[in-house]
N, C-alpha and C. Protein backbone atom coordinates (compact mmCIF):
# COMPACT_ATOMS: atom_id res chain seq x y z
N MET A 1 78.61 -26.59 -107.12
CA MET A 1 79.30 -25.50 -107.75
C MET A 1 78.68 -25.19 -109.11
N ARG A 2 78.44 -26.23 -109.88
CA ARG A 2 77.86 -26.06 -111.20
C ARG A 2 76.44 -25.51 -111.10
N ARG A 3 75.71 -25.99 -110.11
CA ARG A 3 74.33 -25.55 -109.91
C ARG A 3 74.31 -24.07 -109.51
N THR A 4 75.26 -23.64 -108.69
CA THR A 4 75.35 -22.25 -108.26
C THR A 4 75.63 -21.34 -109.45
N ARG A 5 76.53 -21.76 -110.35
CA ARG A 5 76.83 -20.99 -111.55
C ARG A 5 75.60 -20.86 -112.43
N LEU A 6 74.89 -21.96 -112.58
CA LEU A 6 73.68 -21.94 -113.41
C LEU A 6 72.64 -21.00 -112.83
N LEU A 7 72.45 -21.07 -111.51
CA LEU A 7 71.49 -20.17 -110.86
C LEU A 7 71.93 -18.72 -110.99
N SER A 8 73.21 -18.46 -110.83
CA SER A 8 73.74 -17.10 -110.98
C SER A 8 73.52 -16.59 -112.40
N PHE A 9 73.78 -17.45 -113.37
CA PHE A 9 73.58 -17.07 -114.77
C PHE A 9 72.11 -16.76 -115.05
N LEU A 10 71.22 -17.61 -114.57
CA LEU A 10 69.79 -17.40 -114.79
C LEU A 10 69.30 -16.12 -114.11
N LEU A 11 69.81 -15.86 -112.91
CA LEU A 11 69.44 -14.63 -112.21
C LEU A 11 69.93 -13.41 -112.97
N ALA A 12 71.18 -13.45 -113.43
CA ALA A 12 71.73 -12.33 -114.21
C ALA A 12 70.93 -12.13 -115.50
N LEU A 13 70.58 -13.22 -116.14
CA LEU A 13 69.79 -13.15 -117.37
C LEU A 13 68.42 -12.54 -117.10
N ALA A 14 67.81 -12.92 -116.00
CA ALA A 14 66.50 -12.38 -115.63
C ALA A 14 66.57 -10.88 -115.37
N LEU A 15 67.69 -10.41 -114.86
CA LEU A 15 67.86 -8.98 -114.59
C LEU A 15 68.21 -8.19 -115.85
N VAL A 16 68.95 -8.78 -116.77
CA VAL A 16 69.43 -8.07 -117.94
C VAL A 16 68.39 -8.04 -119.08
N LEU A 17 67.62 -9.08 -119.26
CA LEU A 17 66.68 -9.14 -120.38
C LEU A 17 65.69 -7.96 -120.41
N PRO A 18 65.09 -7.60 -119.29
CA PRO A 18 64.19 -6.44 -119.35
C PRO A 18 64.90 -5.15 -119.77
N LEU A 19 66.15 -5.00 -119.35
CA LEU A 19 66.91 -3.81 -119.74
C LEU A 19 67.20 -3.80 -121.23
N LEU A 20 67.51 -4.95 -121.79
CA LEU A 20 67.75 -5.03 -123.22
C LEU A 20 66.49 -4.73 -124.02
N ALA A 21 65.37 -5.19 -123.53
CA ALA A 21 64.10 -4.92 -124.20
C ALA A 21 63.79 -3.43 -124.19
N ARG A 22 64.11 -2.75 -123.10
CA ARG A 22 63.84 -1.31 -122.97
C ARG A 22 64.78 -0.48 -123.84
N ALA A 23 65.91 -1.02 -124.22
CA ALA A 23 66.85 -0.27 -125.05
C ALA A 23 66.19 0.15 -126.36
N GLY A 24 65.34 -0.69 -126.92
CA GLY A 24 64.61 -0.34 -128.13
C GLY A 24 63.66 0.81 -127.90
N GLU A 25 63.02 0.84 -126.73
CA GLU A 25 62.11 1.94 -126.41
C GLU A 25 62.86 3.25 -126.29
N VAL A 26 64.04 3.23 -125.70
CA VAL A 26 64.84 4.43 -125.55
C VAL A 26 65.24 4.96 -126.91
N LYS A 27 65.64 4.07 -127.82
CA LYS A 27 66.01 4.48 -129.17
C LYS A 27 64.80 5.09 -129.88
N ASP A 28 63.63 4.48 -129.74
CA ASP A 28 62.42 5.03 -130.35
C ASP A 28 62.12 6.42 -129.81
N LEU A 29 62.27 6.61 -128.51
CA LEU A 29 62.03 7.91 -127.89
C LEU A 29 63.03 8.93 -128.41
N ASP A 30 64.30 8.53 -128.50
CA ASP A 30 65.33 9.41 -129.01
C ASP A 30 65.02 9.83 -130.44
N ASP A 31 64.62 8.88 -131.29
CA ASP A 31 64.26 9.18 -132.67
C ASP A 31 63.06 10.12 -132.73
N LEU A 32 62.07 9.88 -131.88
CA LEU A 32 60.87 10.72 -131.83
C LEU A 32 61.24 12.15 -131.47
N LEU A 33 62.08 12.32 -130.47
CA LEU A 33 62.49 13.66 -130.04
C LEU A 33 63.33 14.36 -131.11
N LYS A 34 64.14 13.63 -131.84
CA LYS A 34 64.93 14.23 -132.91
C LYS A 34 64.05 14.70 -134.07
N LYS A 35 62.99 13.94 -134.38
CA LYS A 35 62.08 14.30 -135.47
C LYS A 35 61.16 15.46 -135.11
N ASN A 36 60.87 15.61 -133.82
CA ASN A 36 59.93 16.64 -133.38
C ASN A 36 60.52 18.03 -133.58
N LYS A 37 59.77 18.90 -134.27
CA LYS A 37 60.20 20.28 -134.51
C LYS A 37 59.27 21.28 -133.84
N THR A 38 58.25 20.79 -133.17
CA THR A 38 57.24 21.65 -132.57
C THR A 38 57.35 21.60 -131.05
N SER A 39 57.55 22.76 -130.43
CA SER A 39 57.64 22.81 -128.98
C SER A 39 56.26 22.59 -128.37
N ILE A 40 56.23 22.28 -127.10
CA ILE A 40 54.95 22.09 -126.42
C ILE A 40 54.15 23.40 -126.42
N GLN A 41 54.84 24.54 -126.32
CA GLN A 41 54.16 25.84 -126.35
C GLN A 41 53.52 26.08 -127.71
N LYS A 42 54.25 25.78 -128.79
CA LYS A 42 53.72 25.95 -130.15
C LYS A 42 52.53 25.01 -130.36
N ALA A 43 52.64 23.78 -129.86
CA ALA A 43 51.53 22.82 -129.98
C ALA A 43 50.29 23.34 -129.25
N ALA A 44 50.48 23.89 -128.07
CA ALA A 44 49.36 24.45 -127.30
C ALA A 44 48.74 25.64 -128.04
N ASP A 45 49.59 26.51 -128.59
CA ASP A 45 49.09 27.67 -129.33
C ASP A 45 48.27 27.25 -130.55
N GLU A 46 48.79 26.30 -131.31
CA GLU A 46 48.08 25.83 -132.51
C GLU A 46 46.78 25.11 -132.14
N ALA A 47 46.80 24.37 -131.04
CA ALA A 47 45.59 23.66 -130.61
C ALA A 47 44.50 24.65 -130.22
N THR A 48 44.86 25.74 -129.53
CA THR A 48 43.84 26.72 -129.13
C THR A 48 43.38 27.58 -130.30
N LYS A 49 44.18 27.65 -131.37
CA LYS A 49 43.69 28.30 -132.61
C LYS A 49 42.62 27.43 -133.26
N ALA A 50 42.85 26.12 -133.24
CA ALA A 50 41.91 25.18 -133.85
C ALA A 50 40.66 25.01 -133.00
N SER A 51 40.83 25.09 -131.68
CA SER A 51 39.71 24.93 -130.75
C SER A 51 39.96 25.84 -129.56
N PRO A 52 39.36 27.04 -129.56
CA PRO A 52 39.60 27.99 -128.47
C PRO A 52 39.22 27.41 -127.11
N GLY A 53 40.02 27.75 -126.11
CA GLY A 53 39.79 27.30 -124.75
C GLY A 53 41.10 27.27 -123.98
N THR A 54 41.13 26.49 -122.92
CA THR A 54 42.30 26.38 -122.05
C THR A 54 42.92 25.00 -122.21
N VAL A 55 44.21 24.97 -122.49
CA VAL A 55 44.92 23.70 -122.60
C VAL A 55 45.05 23.10 -121.21
N VAL A 56 44.61 21.85 -121.06
CA VAL A 56 44.69 21.17 -119.76
C VAL A 56 45.68 20.01 -119.77
N ALA A 57 46.08 19.55 -120.96
CA ALA A 57 47.06 18.46 -121.04
C ALA A 57 47.66 18.41 -122.44
N ALA A 58 48.91 17.93 -122.50
CA ALA A 58 49.58 17.73 -123.78
C ALA A 58 50.56 16.58 -123.64
N LYS A 59 50.60 15.75 -124.67
CA LYS A 59 51.48 14.58 -124.63
C LYS A 59 52.02 14.33 -126.04
N LEU A 60 53.32 14.08 -126.13
CA LEU A 60 53.95 13.76 -127.41
C LEU A 60 53.96 12.25 -127.59
N PHE A 61 53.54 11.80 -128.78
CA PHE A 61 53.56 10.37 -129.06
C PHE A 61 53.90 10.13 -130.52
N LYS A 62 54.20 8.89 -130.86
CA LYS A 62 54.50 8.51 -132.24
C LYS A 62 53.20 8.12 -132.93
N ASN A 63 52.85 8.87 -133.97
CA ASN A 63 51.63 8.60 -134.72
C ASN A 63 51.80 7.26 -135.46
N LEU A 64 50.90 6.34 -135.24
CA LEU A 64 51.02 5.01 -135.84
C LEU A 64 50.74 5.03 -137.34
N ASP A 65 50.03 6.04 -137.83
CA ASP A 65 49.73 6.12 -139.26
C ASP A 65 50.97 6.45 -140.09
N ASP A 66 51.74 7.44 -139.67
CA ASP A 66 52.89 7.86 -140.47
C ASP A 66 54.22 7.82 -139.73
N GLY A 67 54.20 7.49 -138.43
CA GLY A 67 55.43 7.41 -137.66
C GLY A 67 55.98 8.75 -137.19
N ASN A 68 55.29 9.84 -137.52
CA ASN A 68 55.75 11.17 -137.13
C ASN A 68 55.38 11.48 -135.69
N PRO A 69 56.16 12.37 -135.06
CA PRO A 69 55.78 12.82 -133.72
C PRO A 69 54.50 13.65 -133.80
N THR A 70 53.62 13.43 -132.84
CA THR A 70 52.33 14.13 -132.80
C THR A 70 52.04 14.52 -131.37
N TRP A 71 51.58 15.75 -131.19
CA TRP A 71 51.15 16.21 -129.88
C TRP A 71 49.66 15.96 -129.75
N ARG A 72 49.24 15.34 -128.66
CA ARG A 72 47.83 15.19 -128.33
C ARG A 72 47.55 16.25 -127.27
N VAL A 73 46.73 17.23 -127.63
CA VAL A 73 46.46 18.35 -126.74
C VAL A 73 44.98 18.33 -126.37
N LEU A 74 44.67 18.43 -125.08
CA LEU A 74 43.29 18.50 -124.61
C LEU A 74 42.99 19.94 -124.26
N VAL A 75 41.89 20.46 -124.85
CA VAL A 75 41.49 21.85 -124.65
C VAL A 75 40.11 21.85 -124.00
N LEU A 76 39.98 22.60 -122.92
CA LEU A 76 38.71 22.69 -122.19
C LEU A 76 38.11 24.07 -122.41
N LYS A 77 36.83 24.09 -122.80
CA LYS A 77 36.09 25.34 -122.90
C LYS A 77 34.70 25.08 -122.33
N GLY A 78 34.43 25.74 -121.23
CA GLY A 78 33.16 25.49 -120.54
C GLY A 78 33.15 24.06 -120.03
N GLU A 79 32.18 23.30 -120.47
CA GLU A 79 32.08 21.90 -120.07
C GLU A 79 32.49 20.95 -121.18
N THR A 80 33.08 21.49 -122.24
CA THR A 80 33.44 20.67 -123.39
C THR A 80 34.95 20.48 -123.48
N MET A 81 35.36 19.23 -123.55
CA MET A 81 36.76 18.87 -123.72
C MET A 81 36.95 18.52 -125.19
N THR A 82 38.00 19.09 -125.81
CA THR A 82 38.29 18.82 -127.22
C THR A 82 39.69 18.25 -127.34
N GLU A 83 39.81 17.19 -128.13
CA GLU A 83 41.09 16.55 -128.40
C GLU A 83 41.62 17.07 -129.73
N VAL A 84 42.83 17.65 -129.70
CA VAL A 84 43.44 18.20 -130.90
C VAL A 84 44.79 17.52 -131.10
N TYR A 85 45.05 17.05 -132.32
CA TYR A 85 46.35 16.50 -132.66
C TYR A 85 47.13 17.57 -133.41
N VAL A 86 48.37 17.80 -132.98
CA VAL A 86 49.24 18.77 -133.63
C VAL A 86 50.46 18.01 -134.15
N ASP A 87 50.67 18.08 -135.47
CA ASP A 87 51.80 17.40 -136.09
C ASP A 87 53.10 17.98 -135.56
N GLY A 88 54.00 17.13 -135.12
CA GLY A 88 55.25 17.57 -134.53
C GLY A 88 56.26 18.09 -135.53
N THR A 89 56.05 17.84 -136.82
CA THR A 89 56.98 18.34 -137.83
C THR A 89 56.47 19.61 -138.50
N SER A 90 55.16 19.72 -138.70
CA SER A 90 54.61 20.88 -139.41
C SER A 90 53.81 21.83 -138.52
N ALA A 91 53.47 21.42 -137.32
CA ALA A 91 52.65 22.19 -136.37
C ALA A 91 51.21 22.38 -136.85
N LYS A 92 50.77 21.55 -137.79
CA LYS A 92 49.39 21.61 -138.26
C LYS A 92 48.47 20.94 -137.24
N ALA A 93 47.40 21.66 -136.86
CA ALA A 93 46.47 21.16 -135.85
C ALA A 93 45.21 20.60 -136.50
N VAL A 94 44.73 19.48 -135.98
CA VAL A 94 43.50 18.85 -136.45
C VAL A 94 42.66 18.46 -135.23
N VAL A 95 41.42 18.92 -135.22
CA VAL A 95 40.50 18.55 -134.13
C VAL A 95 40.07 17.11 -134.36
N LYS A 96 40.29 16.25 -133.36
CA LYS A 96 39.95 14.83 -133.48
C LYS A 96 38.58 14.51 -132.88
N GLY A 97 38.13 15.30 -131.91
CA GLY A 97 36.82 15.03 -131.32
C GLY A 97 36.60 15.86 -130.08
N SER A 98 35.34 15.92 -129.66
CA SER A 98 34.96 16.66 -128.46
C SER A 98 33.96 15.85 -127.66
N TRP A 99 33.91 16.12 -126.38
CA TRP A 99 32.94 15.48 -125.50
C TRP A 99 32.68 16.39 -124.32
N LYS A 100 31.55 16.20 -123.71
CA LYS A 100 31.21 16.97 -122.53
C LYS A 100 31.98 16.40 -121.35
N ASP A 101 32.73 17.27 -120.70
CA ASP A 101 33.51 16.86 -119.53
C ASP A 101 32.64 16.99 -118.31
N GLU A 102 32.11 15.88 -117.86
CA GLU A 102 31.17 15.91 -116.74
C GLU A 102 31.86 15.65 -115.40
N THR A 103 33.17 15.65 -115.39
CA THR A 103 33.87 15.38 -114.13
C THR A 103 34.22 16.69 -113.44
N GLU A 104 35.35 17.27 -113.77
CA GLU A 104 35.81 18.49 -113.10
C GLU A 104 34.92 19.69 -113.42
N ALA A 105 34.45 19.79 -114.67
CA ALA A 105 33.62 20.93 -115.05
C ALA A 105 32.31 20.93 -114.27
N GLU A 106 31.73 19.75 -114.06
CA GLU A 106 30.48 19.66 -113.30
C GLU A 106 30.69 20.07 -111.85
N LYS A 107 31.84 19.69 -111.30
CA LYS A 107 32.12 20.03 -109.91
C LYS A 107 32.35 21.53 -109.74
N ALA A 108 32.95 22.17 -110.75
CA ALA A 108 33.34 23.57 -110.63
C ALA A 108 32.20 24.55 -110.93
N ARG A 109 31.22 24.13 -111.69
CA ARG A 109 30.17 25.07 -112.09
C ARG A 109 29.24 25.37 -110.92
N SER A 110 28.62 26.53 -111.01
CA SER A 110 27.65 26.87 -109.96
C SER A 110 26.36 26.11 -110.23
N PRO A 111 25.56 25.87 -109.19
CA PRO A 111 24.31 25.10 -109.36
C PRO A 111 23.33 25.83 -110.27
N LYS A 112 22.59 25.05 -111.05
CA LYS A 112 21.53 25.59 -111.89
C LYS A 112 20.30 25.80 -111.01
N PRO A 113 19.41 26.73 -111.41
CA PRO A 113 18.20 26.92 -110.63
C PRO A 113 17.43 25.61 -110.48
N GLY A 114 17.02 25.32 -109.28
CA GLY A 114 16.25 24.10 -108.99
C GLY A 114 17.12 22.94 -108.54
N GLU A 115 18.44 23.04 -108.72
CA GLU A 115 19.32 21.98 -108.26
C GLU A 115 19.61 22.15 -106.78
N GLY A 116 19.62 21.08 -106.07
CA GLY A 116 19.99 21.10 -104.66
C GLY A 116 18.89 21.61 -103.74
N ASP A 117 17.66 21.73 -104.26
CA ASP A 117 16.54 22.19 -103.41
C ASP A 117 16.06 21.07 -102.52
């Protein structure tokens, strides 16, 4: 009987501990959403002002430098992918970097002369 209670307690503890740990993540997400003043549309607009092209992805995250909400927006123009951070409180956009997107852009482009001969 005592062993059954102990096993039941340990099983319940094993099920509850992960949920308690996630409660902090939910609070952080709630705080992040409350601080955010920039819609995803506004973030996309500001990102394309900073780096013209087509927005292909956007994600809201907590900036580790200042704790503010920040949108990470990926903008594609031709074969170049540009990463733009948009501050979630001020909507200020900053280009963080660019790289040649050799995956989807390479597949979509028409062949260059001499290719595939």
